[in-house]
Amino acid sequence: MERPANDDAPFAASDTTVQGDTTARSGRPAEAPARETLRVASIPAVTLFVCTTCRLAGADPQADPAGAALARDAILAAANGGATGAAGAIAVKEVRCLSNCKRALSAALVRTGGWSYVFGDLSPDSAADLLTGAALFATSTDGILPWRGRPDSLKRGMIARIPPMSFSEDQR
């Protein structure tokens, strides 16, 4: 099995290629020993997850959640180059719930081999702040979202900072 240089890099099921025994498919014996190879998905430097089920306090329960509008704005802004300096390095994805309902609206920044960040208390117009933070994170050399240059909403609204899977307390 071929593995990426960074062991934290995920494999995408849709990008999996398996080569193996053709007997089951063709009815003829395989000419070569069975081998399995995996192709790694193209992974963005940073993925921004925006909760689409977040509602603002006192919002009409029949109205679309404000989180869905924030997610659409972030996707549109990213598609229109809203994350300057990190073209193609940021993916924006909708997620149904980040379980941060008491501090909605919520979003998370995730980076392979880097720390992950969860934010809350965002406003419906926070898409630009989220993309600014994602661009800073994408260009970070140490896998940590820099404090300097981070929009105020991402300073005040930080809920959690989660270490990468490969983290060891010995790493300083």
N, C-alpha and C. Protein backbone atom coordinates (compact mmCIF):
# COMPACT_ATOMS: atom_id res chain seq x y z
N MET A 1 0.84 -1.16 0.00
CA MET A 1 0.00 0.00 0.00
C MET A 1 0.89 1.23 0.00
N GLU A 2 0.67 2.14 -0.91
CA GLU A 2 1.41 3.38 -0.95
C GLU A 2 0.78 4.35 0.05
N ARG A 3 1.62 4.98 0.84
CA ARG A 3 1.15 5.94 1.84
C ARG A 3 1.74 7.30 1.52
N PRO A 4 1.03 8.35 1.83
CA PRO A 4 1.60 9.69 1.63
C PRO A 4 2.74 9.92 2.62
N ALA A 5 3.58 10.89 2.32
CA ALA A 5 4.70 11.21 3.21
C ALA A 5 4.20 11.62 4.58
N ASN A 6 3.08 12.30 4.64
CA ASN A 6 2.50 12.73 5.91
C ASN A 6 1.47 11.69 6.32
N ASP A 7 1.73 10.95 7.38
CA ASP A 7 0.84 9.88 7.79
C ASP A 7 -0.52 10.37 8.24
N ASP A 8 -0.68 11.67 8.49
CA ASP A 8 -1.98 12.21 8.88
C ASP A 8 -2.89 12.42 7.69
N ALA A 9 -2.35 12.34 6.47
CA ALA A 9 -3.16 12.61 5.28
C ALA A 9 -4.19 11.50 5.10
N PRO A 10 -5.46 11.87 5.00
CA PRO A 10 -6.51 10.86 4.85
C PRO A 10 -6.58 10.31 3.44
N PHE A 11 -7.13 9.13 3.32
CA PHE A 11 -7.41 8.55 2.03
C PHE A 11 -8.88 8.76 1.75
N ALA A 12 -9.21 9.12 0.55
CA ALA A 12 -10.61 9.32 0.19
C ALA A 12 -11.14 8.05 -0.46
N ALA A 13 -12.26 7.56 0.04
CA ALA A 13 -12.83 6.32 -0.49
C ALA A 13 -13.14 6.46 -1.96
N SER A 14 -13.58 7.61 -2.41
CA SER A 14 -13.93 7.79 -3.81
C SER A 14 -12.71 7.83 -4.70
N ASP A 15 -11.52 8.04 -4.11
CA ASP A 15 -10.30 8.10 -4.89
C ASP A 15 -9.49 6.81 -4.78
N THR A 16 -10.10 5.77 -4.27
CA THR A 16 -9.39 4.51 -4.08
C THR A 16 -9.37 3.70 -5.36
N THR A 17 -8.20 3.23 -5.71
CA THR A 17 -8.05 2.36 -6.86
C THR A 17 -7.51 1.04 -6.34
N VAL A 18 -8.17 -0.05 -6.63
CA VAL A 18 -7.71 -1.35 -6.17
C VAL A 18 -7.37 -2.20 -7.39
N GLN A 19 -6.17 -2.76 -7.39
CA GLN A 19 -5.77 -3.68 -8.43
C GLN A 19 -5.56 -5.02 -7.75
N GLY A 20 -6.12 -6.05 -8.31
CA GLY A 20 -5.96 -7.33 -7.63
C GLY A 20 -6.32 -8.48 -8.54
N ASP A 21 -6.68 -9.59 -7.95
CA ASP A 21 -7.02 -10.82 -8.64
C ASP A 21 -8.20 -10.59 -9.57
N THR A 22 -7.99 -10.86 -10.86
CA THR A 22 -9.05 -10.64 -11.85
C THR A 22 -9.92 -11.87 -12.04
N THR A 23 -9.64 -12.93 -11.33
CA THR A 23 -10.40 -14.16 -11.50
C THR A 23 -11.89 -13.93 -11.27
N ALA A 24 -12.22 -13.23 -10.21
CA ALA A 24 -13.63 -13.02 -9.88
C ALA A 24 -14.35 -12.22 -10.95
N ARG A 25 -13.66 -11.30 -11.60
CA ARG A 25 -14.32 -10.46 -12.59
C ARG A 25 -14.34 -11.08 -13.97
N SER A 26 -13.23 -11.67 -14.38
CA SER A 26 -13.13 -12.14 -15.76
C SER A 26 -13.31 -13.65 -15.90
N GLY A 27 -13.18 -14.38 -14.79
CA GLY A 27 -13.26 -15.82 -14.87
C GLY A 27 -11.93 -16.45 -15.25
N ARG A 28 -10.92 -15.63 -15.57
CA ARG A 28 -9.59 -16.15 -15.92
C ARG A 28 -8.65 -15.92 -14.75
N PRO A 29 -7.65 -16.77 -14.58
CA PRO A 29 -6.69 -16.57 -13.50
C PRO A 29 -5.92 -15.27 -13.70
N ALA A 30 -5.54 -14.66 -12.61
CA ALA A 30 -4.76 -13.42 -12.67
C ALA A 30 -3.36 -13.75 -13.15
N GLU A 31 -2.79 -12.86 -13.96
CA GLU A 31 -1.45 -13.09 -14.49
C GLU A 31 -0.36 -12.64 -13.51
N ALA A 32 -0.70 -11.71 -12.63
CA ALA A 32 0.29 -11.21 -11.68
C ALA A 32 -0.26 -11.38 -10.27
N PRO A 33 0.61 -11.40 -9.28
CA PRO A 33 0.13 -11.50 -7.91
C PRO A 33 -0.80 -10.33 -7.58
N ALA A 34 -1.75 -10.59 -6.71
CA ALA A 34 -2.69 -9.54 -6.32
C ALA A 34 -1.94 -8.43 -5.59
N ARG A 35 -2.24 -7.20 -5.98
CA ARG A 35 -1.65 -6.03 -5.32
C ARG A 35 -2.74 -5.01 -5.09
N GLU A 36 -2.58 -4.28 -4.05
CA GLU A 36 -3.53 -3.21 -3.75
C GLU A 36 -2.78 -1.89 -3.75
N THR A 37 -3.28 -0.93 -4.48
CA THR A 37 -2.69 0.41 -4.45
C THR A 37 -3.80 1.40 -4.17
N LEU A 38 -3.45 2.41 -3.44
CA LEU A 38 -4.40 3.47 -3.14
C LEU A 38 -3.87 4.77 -3.71
N ARG A 39 -4.77 5.55 -4.25
CA ARG A 39 -4.42 6.87 -4.76
C ARG A 39 -4.93 7.87 -3.74
N VAL A 40 -4.08 8.80 -3.31
CA VAL A 40 -4.45 9.77 -2.30
C VAL A 40 -5.26 10.88 -2.94
N ALA A 41 -6.32 11.29 -2.27
CA ALA A 41 -7.15 12.39 -2.75
C ALA A 41 -6.36 13.68 -2.72
N SER A 42 -6.73 14.60 -3.57
CA SER A 42 -6.16 15.93 -3.53
C SER A 42 -6.69 16.60 -2.27
N ILE A 43 -5.80 16.95 -1.37
CA ILE A 43 -6.21 17.46 -0.07
C ILE A 43 -5.86 18.94 0.01
N PRO A 44 -6.85 19.78 0.31
CA PRO A 44 -6.55 21.21 0.47
C PRO A 44 -5.71 21.44 1.72
N ALA A 45 -5.00 22.54 1.77
CA ALA A 45 -4.19 22.86 2.95
C ALA A 45 -5.08 23.01 4.18
N VAL A 46 -6.23 23.66 4.00
CA VAL A 46 -7.15 23.92 5.11
C VAL A 46 -8.57 23.65 4.66
N THR A 47 -9.35 23.04 5.54
CA THR A 47 -10.78 22.87 5.29
C THR A 47 -11.53 23.67 6.35
N LEU A 48 -12.45 24.48 5.87
CA LEU A 48 -13.32 25.27 6.73
C LEU A 48 -14.67 24.57 6.75
N PHE A 49 -15.09 24.11 7.92
CA PHE A 49 -16.40 23.50 8.10
C PHE A 49 -17.31 24.55 8.74
N VAL A 50 -18.47 24.77 8.14
CA VAL A 50 -19.42 25.74 8.68
C VAL A 50 -20.71 25.01 9.02
N CYS A 51 -21.17 25.16 10.26
CA CYS A 51 -22.39 24.50 10.73
C CYS A 51 -23.60 25.13 10.05
N THR A 52 -24.38 24.31 9.37
CA THR A 52 -25.56 24.80 8.66
C THR A 52 -26.82 24.75 9.50
N THR A 53 -26.76 24.12 10.66
CA THR A 53 -27.96 24.02 11.50
C THR A 53 -27.97 25.04 12.62
N CYS A 54 -26.92 25.83 12.76
CA CYS A 54 -26.85 26.86 13.79
C CYS A 54 -27.94 27.91 13.57
N ARG A 55 -28.60 28.25 14.66
CA ARG A 55 -29.62 29.31 14.66
C ARG A 55 -29.22 30.36 15.68
N LEU A 56 -29.51 31.60 15.35
CA LEU A 56 -29.28 32.67 16.30
C LEU A 56 -30.36 32.63 17.37
N ALA A 57 -30.01 33.05 18.57
CA ALA A 57 -30.98 33.08 19.68
C ALA A 57 -32.16 33.95 19.29
N GLY A 58 -33.36 33.45 19.53
CA GLY A 58 -34.58 34.20 19.24
C GLY A 58 -35.00 34.18 17.79
N ALA A 59 -34.30 33.44 16.95
CA ALA A 59 -34.65 33.39 15.53
C ALA A 59 -35.94 32.60 15.32
N ASP A 60 -36.64 32.94 14.27
CA ASP A 60 -37.87 32.24 13.89
C ASP A 60 -37.52 30.78 13.58
N PRO A 61 -38.11 29.82 14.29
CA PRO A 61 -37.79 28.41 14.05
C PRO A 61 -38.21 27.93 12.65
N GLN A 62 -39.08 28.67 11.99
CA GLN A 62 -39.51 28.29 10.63
C GLN A 62 -38.58 28.84 9.56
N ALA A 63 -37.76 29.81 9.90
CA ALA A 63 -36.84 30.43 8.94
C ALA A 63 -35.62 29.54 8.75
N ASP A 64 -34.95 29.71 7.61
CA ASP A 64 -33.70 28.99 7.38
C ASP A 64 -32.70 29.36 8.47
N PRO A 65 -31.91 28.40 8.94
CA PRO A 65 -30.91 28.71 9.96
C PRO A 65 -29.88 29.71 9.44
N ALA A 66 -29.44 30.62 10.31
CA ALA A 66 -28.43 31.60 9.93
C ALA A 66 -27.12 30.91 9.55
N GLY A 67 -26.85 29.74 10.12
CA GLY A 67 -25.64 28.99 9.79
C GLY A 67 -25.61 28.57 8.33
N ALA A 68 -26.77 28.24 7.78
CA ALA A 68 -26.83 27.86 6.36
C ALA A 68 -26.46 29.04 5.47
N ALA A 69 -26.93 30.23 5.84
CA ALA A 69 -26.59 31.43 5.07
C ALA A 69 -25.09 31.73 5.19
N LEU A 70 -24.53 31.58 6.40
CA LEU A 70 -23.10 31.80 6.60
C LEU A 70 -22.29 30.83 5.74
N ALA A 71 -22.70 29.57 5.71
CA ALA A 71 -22.00 28.57 4.90
C ALA A 71 -22.05 28.94 3.42
N ARG A 72 -23.22 29.32 2.93
CA ARG A 72 -23.35 29.71 1.52
C ARG A 72 -22.47 30.91 1.21
N ASP A 73 -22.44 31.90 2.11
CA ASP A 73 -21.61 33.08 1.90
C ASP A 73 -20.12 32.71 1.86
N ALA A 74 -19.71 31.82 2.74
CA ALA A 74 -18.30 31.40 2.78
C ALA A 74 -17.93 30.64 1.51
N ILE A 75 -18.81 29.76 1.05
CA ILE A 75 -18.56 29.00 -0.18
C ILE A 75 -18.46 29.95 -1.37
N LEU A 76 -19.37 30.90 -1.45
CA LEU A 76 -19.37 31.88 -2.54
C LEU A 76 -18.12 32.75 -2.49
N ALA A 77 -17.77 33.24 -1.30
CA ALA A 77 -16.59 34.08 -1.16
C ALA A 77 -15.31 33.33 -1.53
N ALA A 78 -15.21 32.08 -1.12
CA ALA A 78 -14.03 31.27 -1.46
C ALA A 78 -13.95 31.05 -2.96
N ALA A 79 -15.10 30.80 -3.59
CA ALA A 79 -15.12 30.58 -5.04
C ALA A 79 -14.74 31.84 -5.81
N ASN A 80 -15.01 33.00 -5.20
CA ASN A 80 -14.69 34.27 -5.84
C ASN A 80 -13.35 34.84 -5.38
N GLY A 81 -12.50 33.99 -4.82
CA GLY A 81 -11.17 34.43 -4.41
C GLY A 81 -11.13 35.15 -3.09
N GLY A 82 -12.09 34.89 -2.22
CA GLY A 82 -12.15 35.57 -0.93
C GLY A 82 -11.02 35.23 0.00
N ALA A 83 -10.32 34.14 -0.24
CA ALA A 83 -9.19 33.76 0.60
C ALA A 83 -7.91 34.14 -0.14
N THR A 84 -7.60 35.40 -0.17
CA THR A 84 -6.44 35.88 -0.91
C THR A 84 -5.16 35.28 -0.36
N GLY A 85 -4.27 34.98 -1.26
CA GLY A 85 -2.98 34.42 -0.89
C GLY A 85 -2.99 32.92 -0.68
N ALA A 86 -4.14 32.29 -0.78
CA ALA A 86 -4.21 30.84 -0.55
C ALA A 86 -5.10 30.19 -1.60
N ALA A 87 -5.00 30.65 -2.84
CA ALA A 87 -5.86 30.14 -3.90
C ALA A 87 -5.76 28.62 -4.01
N GLY A 88 -6.91 27.96 -3.98
CA GLY A 88 -6.97 26.51 -4.11
C GLY A 88 -6.55 25.76 -2.87
N ALA A 89 -6.08 26.48 -1.86
CA ALA A 89 -5.59 25.82 -0.66
C ALA A 89 -6.67 25.66 0.40
N ILE A 90 -7.86 26.23 0.14
CA ILE A 90 -8.93 26.21 1.13
C ILE A 90 -10.18 25.58 0.55
N ALA A 91 -10.72 24.62 1.27
CA ALA A 91 -12.00 24.02 0.91
C ALA A 91 -13.02 24.45 1.96
N VAL A 92 -14.20 24.82 1.51
CA VAL A 92 -15.27 25.17 2.44
C VAL A 92 -16.33 24.09 2.33
N LYS A 93 -16.70 23.52 3.48
CA LYS A 93 -17.68 22.44 3.50
C LYS A 93 -18.75 22.73 4.53
N GLU A 94 -19.96 22.36 4.17
CA GLU A 94 -21.08 22.46 5.10
C GLU A 94 -21.10 21.22 5.98
N VAL A 95 -21.48 21.42 7.24
CA VAL A 95 -21.63 20.31 8.17
C VAL A 95 -22.92 20.54 8.95
N ARG A 96 -23.66 19.47 9.18
CA ARG A 96 -24.98 19.61 9.82
C ARG A 96 -24.92 20.07 11.26
N CYS A 97 -23.93 19.72 12.03
CA CYS A 97 -23.91 20.17 13.42
C CYS A 97 -22.50 20.05 13.97
N LEU A 98 -22.07 21.10 14.66
CA LEU A 98 -20.79 21.07 15.36
C LEU A 98 -20.99 20.96 16.88
N SER A 99 -22.24 20.78 17.32
CA SER A 99 -22.58 20.62 18.74
C SER A 99 -22.04 21.77 19.59
N ASN A 100 -22.20 22.95 19.09
CA ASN A 100 -21.78 24.15 19.80
C ASN A 100 -22.97 25.12 19.87
N CYS A 101 -24.14 24.57 20.07
CA CYS A 101 -25.41 25.31 19.96
C CYS A 101 -25.50 26.51 20.89
N LYS A 102 -24.93 26.43 22.08
CA LYS A 102 -25.02 27.54 23.02
C LYS A 102 -24.19 28.74 22.58
N ARG A 103 -23.25 28.51 21.64
CA ARG A 103 -22.41 29.61 21.15
C ARG A 103 -22.47 29.71 19.63
N ALA A 104 -23.66 29.47 19.08
CA ALA A 104 -23.84 29.54 17.62
C ALA A 104 -23.70 30.99 17.17
N LEU A 105 -23.31 31.14 16.00
CA LEU A 105 -23.00 30.36 14.84
C LEU A 105 -21.59 29.78 14.99
N SER A 106 -21.36 28.60 14.41
CA SER A 106 -20.10 27.89 14.63
C SER A 106 -19.42 27.47 13.34
N ALA A 107 -18.10 27.36 13.42
CA ALA A 107 -17.30 26.90 12.30
C ALA A 107 -16.03 26.26 12.86
N ALA A 108 -15.35 25.48 12.03
CA ALA A 108 -14.10 24.85 12.43
C ALA A 108 -13.10 24.94 11.29
N LEU A 109 -11.84 25.13 11.64
CA LEU A 109 -10.74 25.10 10.67
C LEU A 109 -9.91 23.86 10.97
N VAL A 110 -9.64 23.07 9.93
CA VAL A 110 -8.90 21.82 10.08
C VAL A 110 -7.78 21.81 9.06
N ARG A 111 -6.62 21.34 9.50
CA ARG A 111 -5.46 21.28 8.61
C ARG A 111 -4.73 19.97 8.86
N THR A 112 -4.40 19.25 7.82
CA THR A 112 -3.65 18.01 7.95
C THR A 112 -2.30 18.31 8.58
N GLY A 113 -2.00 17.60 9.66
CA GLY A 113 -0.73 17.77 10.34
C GLY A 113 -0.67 19.02 11.19
N GLY A 114 -1.75 19.76 11.29
CA GLY A 114 -1.78 20.98 12.10
C GLY A 114 -2.86 20.88 13.15
N TRP A 115 -2.96 21.90 13.96
CA TRP A 115 -4.01 21.98 14.97
C TRP A 115 -5.34 22.23 14.29
N SER A 116 -6.42 21.92 14.97
CA SER A 116 -7.77 22.22 14.49
C SER A 116 -8.38 23.23 15.45
N TYR A 117 -9.24 24.09 14.92
CA TYR A 117 -9.83 25.17 15.71
C TYR A 117 -11.34 25.17 15.55
N VAL A 118 -12.05 25.38 16.67
CA VAL A 118 -13.51 25.49 16.65
C VAL A 118 -13.84 26.91 17.13
N PHE A 119 -14.72 27.58 16.39
CA PHE A 119 -15.12 28.94 16.71
C PHE A 119 -16.63 29.01 16.91
N GLY A 120 -17.05 29.91 17.78
CA GLY A 120 -18.46 30.15 18.01
C GLY A 120 -18.71 31.64 18.14
N ASP A 121 -19.96 31.98 18.42
CA ASP A 121 -20.38 33.37 18.56
C ASP A 121 -20.11 34.17 17.28
N LEU A 122 -20.16 33.49 16.15
CA LEU A 122 -19.96 34.18 14.88
C LEU A 122 -21.25 34.88 14.47
N SER A 123 -21.13 35.84 13.61
CA SER A 123 -22.31 36.55 13.12
C SER A 123 -22.60 36.07 11.70
N PRO A 124 -23.80 36.35 11.19
CA PRO A 124 -24.13 35.92 9.83
C PRO A 124 -23.21 36.50 8.76
N ASP A 125 -22.51 37.60 9.08
CA ASP A 125 -21.61 38.19 8.10
C ASP A 125 -20.13 37.87 8.38
N SER A 126 -19.85 36.74 9.01
CA SER A 126 -18.49 36.35 9.38
C SER A 126 -17.74 35.59 8.29
N ALA A 127 -18.32 35.41 7.12
CA ALA A 127 -17.66 34.62 6.07
C ALA A 127 -16.27 35.17 5.73
N ALA A 128 -16.15 36.48 5.58
CA ALA A 128 -14.86 37.08 5.23
C ALA A 128 -13.83 36.82 6.34
N ASP A 129 -14.24 36.92 7.60
CA ASP A 129 -13.33 36.64 8.72
C ASP A 129 -12.87 35.19 8.69
N LEU A 130 -13.79 34.28 8.43
CA LEU A 130 -13.43 32.86 8.38
C LEU A 130 -12.43 32.58 7.27
N LEU A 131 -12.62 33.20 6.12
CA LEU A 131 -11.69 32.98 5.00
C LEU A 131 -10.35 33.64 5.26
N THR A 132 -10.34 34.79 5.93
CA THR A 132 -9.08 35.42 6.30
C THR A 132 -8.31 34.50 7.25
N GLY A 133 -9.01 33.95 8.24
CA GLY A 133 -8.38 33.01 9.16
C GLY A 133 -7.88 31.76 8.45
N ALA A 134 -8.67 31.25 7.52
CA ALA A 134 -8.27 30.05 6.78
C ALA A 134 -7.02 30.32 5.94
N ALA A 135 -6.94 31.50 5.33
CA ALA A 135 -5.77 31.85 4.53
C ALA A 135 -4.53 31.97 5.41
N LEU A 136 -4.67 32.57 6.59
CA LEU A 136 -3.55 32.65 7.54
C LEU A 136 -3.09 31.25 7.93
N PHE A 137 -4.06 30.40 8.21
CA PHE A 137 -3.77 29.03 8.64
C PHE A 137 -3.08 28.24 7.52
N ALA A 138 -3.53 28.43 6.30
CA ALA A 138 -2.97 27.71 5.16
C ALA A 138 -1.51 28.07 4.92
N THR A 139 -1.12 29.29 5.26
CA THR A 139 0.26 29.73 5.02
C THR A 139 1.14 29.61 6.26
N SER A 140 0.58 29.13 7.36
CA SER A 140 1.34 28.95 8.59
C SER A 140 2.40 27.87 8.39
N THR A 141 3.60 28.12 8.88
CA THR A 141 4.68 27.14 8.72
C THR A 141 4.74 26.12 9.85
N ASP A 142 4.03 26.41 10.96
CA ASP A 142 4.11 25.50 12.10
C ASP A 142 2.80 24.77 12.41
N GLY A 143 1.77 24.93 11.55
CA GLY A 143 0.50 24.23 11.77
C GLY A 143 -0.37 24.86 12.84
N ILE A 144 -0.04 26.08 13.25
CA ILE A 144 -0.81 26.80 14.25
C ILE A 144 -1.37 28.06 13.61
N LEU A 145 -2.63 28.36 13.89
CA LEU A 145 -3.26 29.57 13.37
C LEU A 145 -2.64 30.78 14.07
N PRO A 146 -1.97 31.66 13.31
CA PRO A 146 -1.32 32.82 13.95
C PRO A 146 -2.32 33.73 14.64
N TRP A 147 -1.92 34.30 15.76
CA TRP A 147 -2.76 35.26 16.48
C TRP A 147 -2.75 36.59 15.75
N ARG A 148 -1.56 37.03 15.34
CA ARG A 148 -1.42 38.30 14.64
C ARG A 148 -2.08 38.19 13.27
N GLY A 149 -2.94 39.12 12.99
CA GLY A 149 -3.65 39.14 11.71
C GLY A 149 -4.97 38.41 11.74
N ARG A 150 -5.22 37.66 12.81
CA ARG A 150 -6.48 36.93 12.95
C ARG A 150 -7.60 37.94 13.22
N PRO A 151 -8.72 37.83 12.49
CA PRO A 151 -9.84 38.74 12.75
C PRO A 151 -10.32 38.63 14.19
N ASP A 152 -10.82 39.75 14.73
CA ASP A 152 -11.28 39.78 16.13
C ASP A 152 -12.31 38.70 16.43
N SER A 153 -13.21 38.43 15.48
CA SER A 153 -14.24 37.42 15.73
C SER A 153 -13.63 36.04 15.95
N LEU A 154 -12.45 35.79 15.38
CA LEU A 154 -11.79 34.50 15.58
C LEU A 154 -10.89 34.50 16.82
N LYS A 155 -10.64 35.68 17.37
CA LYS A 155 -9.92 35.76 18.65
C LYS A 155 -10.92 35.59 19.79
N ARG A 156 -12.01 36.34 19.74
CA ARG A 156 -13.02 36.30 20.80
C ARG A 156 -13.83 35.01 20.79
N GLY A 157 -14.04 34.45 19.61
CA GLY A 157 -14.94 33.31 19.49
C GLY A 157 -14.29 31.94 19.51
N MET A 158 -13.00 31.85 19.88
CA MET A 158 -12.37 30.53 19.88
C MET A 158 -12.96 29.68 21.00
N ILE A 159 -13.41 28.50 20.62
CA ILE A 159 -14.00 27.53 21.56
C ILE A 159 -12.95 26.51 21.97
N ALA A 160 -12.24 25.97 20.97
CA ALA A 160 -11.26 24.93 21.26
C ALA A 160 -10.15 24.93 20.23
N ARG A 161 -8.99 24.48 20.67
CA ARG A 161 -7.84 24.25 19.81
C ARG A 161 -7.44 22.81 20.05
N ILE A 162 -7.46 22.00 19.00
CA ILE A 162 -7.28 20.55 19.12
C ILE A 162 -5.98 20.15 18.44
N PRO A 163 -5.11 19.41 19.14
CA PRO A 163 -3.82 19.05 18.55
C PRO A 163 -3.98 18.02 17.41
N PRO A 164 -2.99 17.98 16.52
CA PRO A 164 -3.03 16.97 15.45
C PRO A 164 -2.83 15.57 16.03
N MET A 165 -3.25 14.57 15.28
CA MET A 165 -3.14 13.18 15.73
C MET A 165 -1.70 12.80 16.08
N SER A 166 -0.74 13.38 15.38
CA SER A 166 0.66 13.03 15.60
C SER A 166 1.30 13.79 16.75
N PHE A 167 0.52 14.60 17.47
CA PHE A 167 1.07 15.45 18.53
C PHE A 167 1.57 14.64 19.70
N SER A 168 2.68 15.08 20.26
CA SER A 168 3.22 14.53 21.48
C SER A 168 3.58 15.71 22.36
N GLU A 169 3.33 15.61 23.64
CA GLU A 169 3.63 16.72 24.56
C GLU A 169 5.11 17.05 24.54
N ASP A 170 5.94 16.13 24.09
CA ASP A 170 7.39 16.36 23.98
C ASP A 170 7.71 17.37 22.89
N GLN A 171 6.78 17.57 21.96
CA GLN A 171 7.01 18.53 20.87
C GLN A 171 6.80 19.93 21.43
N ARG A 172 7.77 20.74 21.34
CA ARG A 172 7.68 22.11 21.87
C ARG A 172 7.97 23.09 20.77
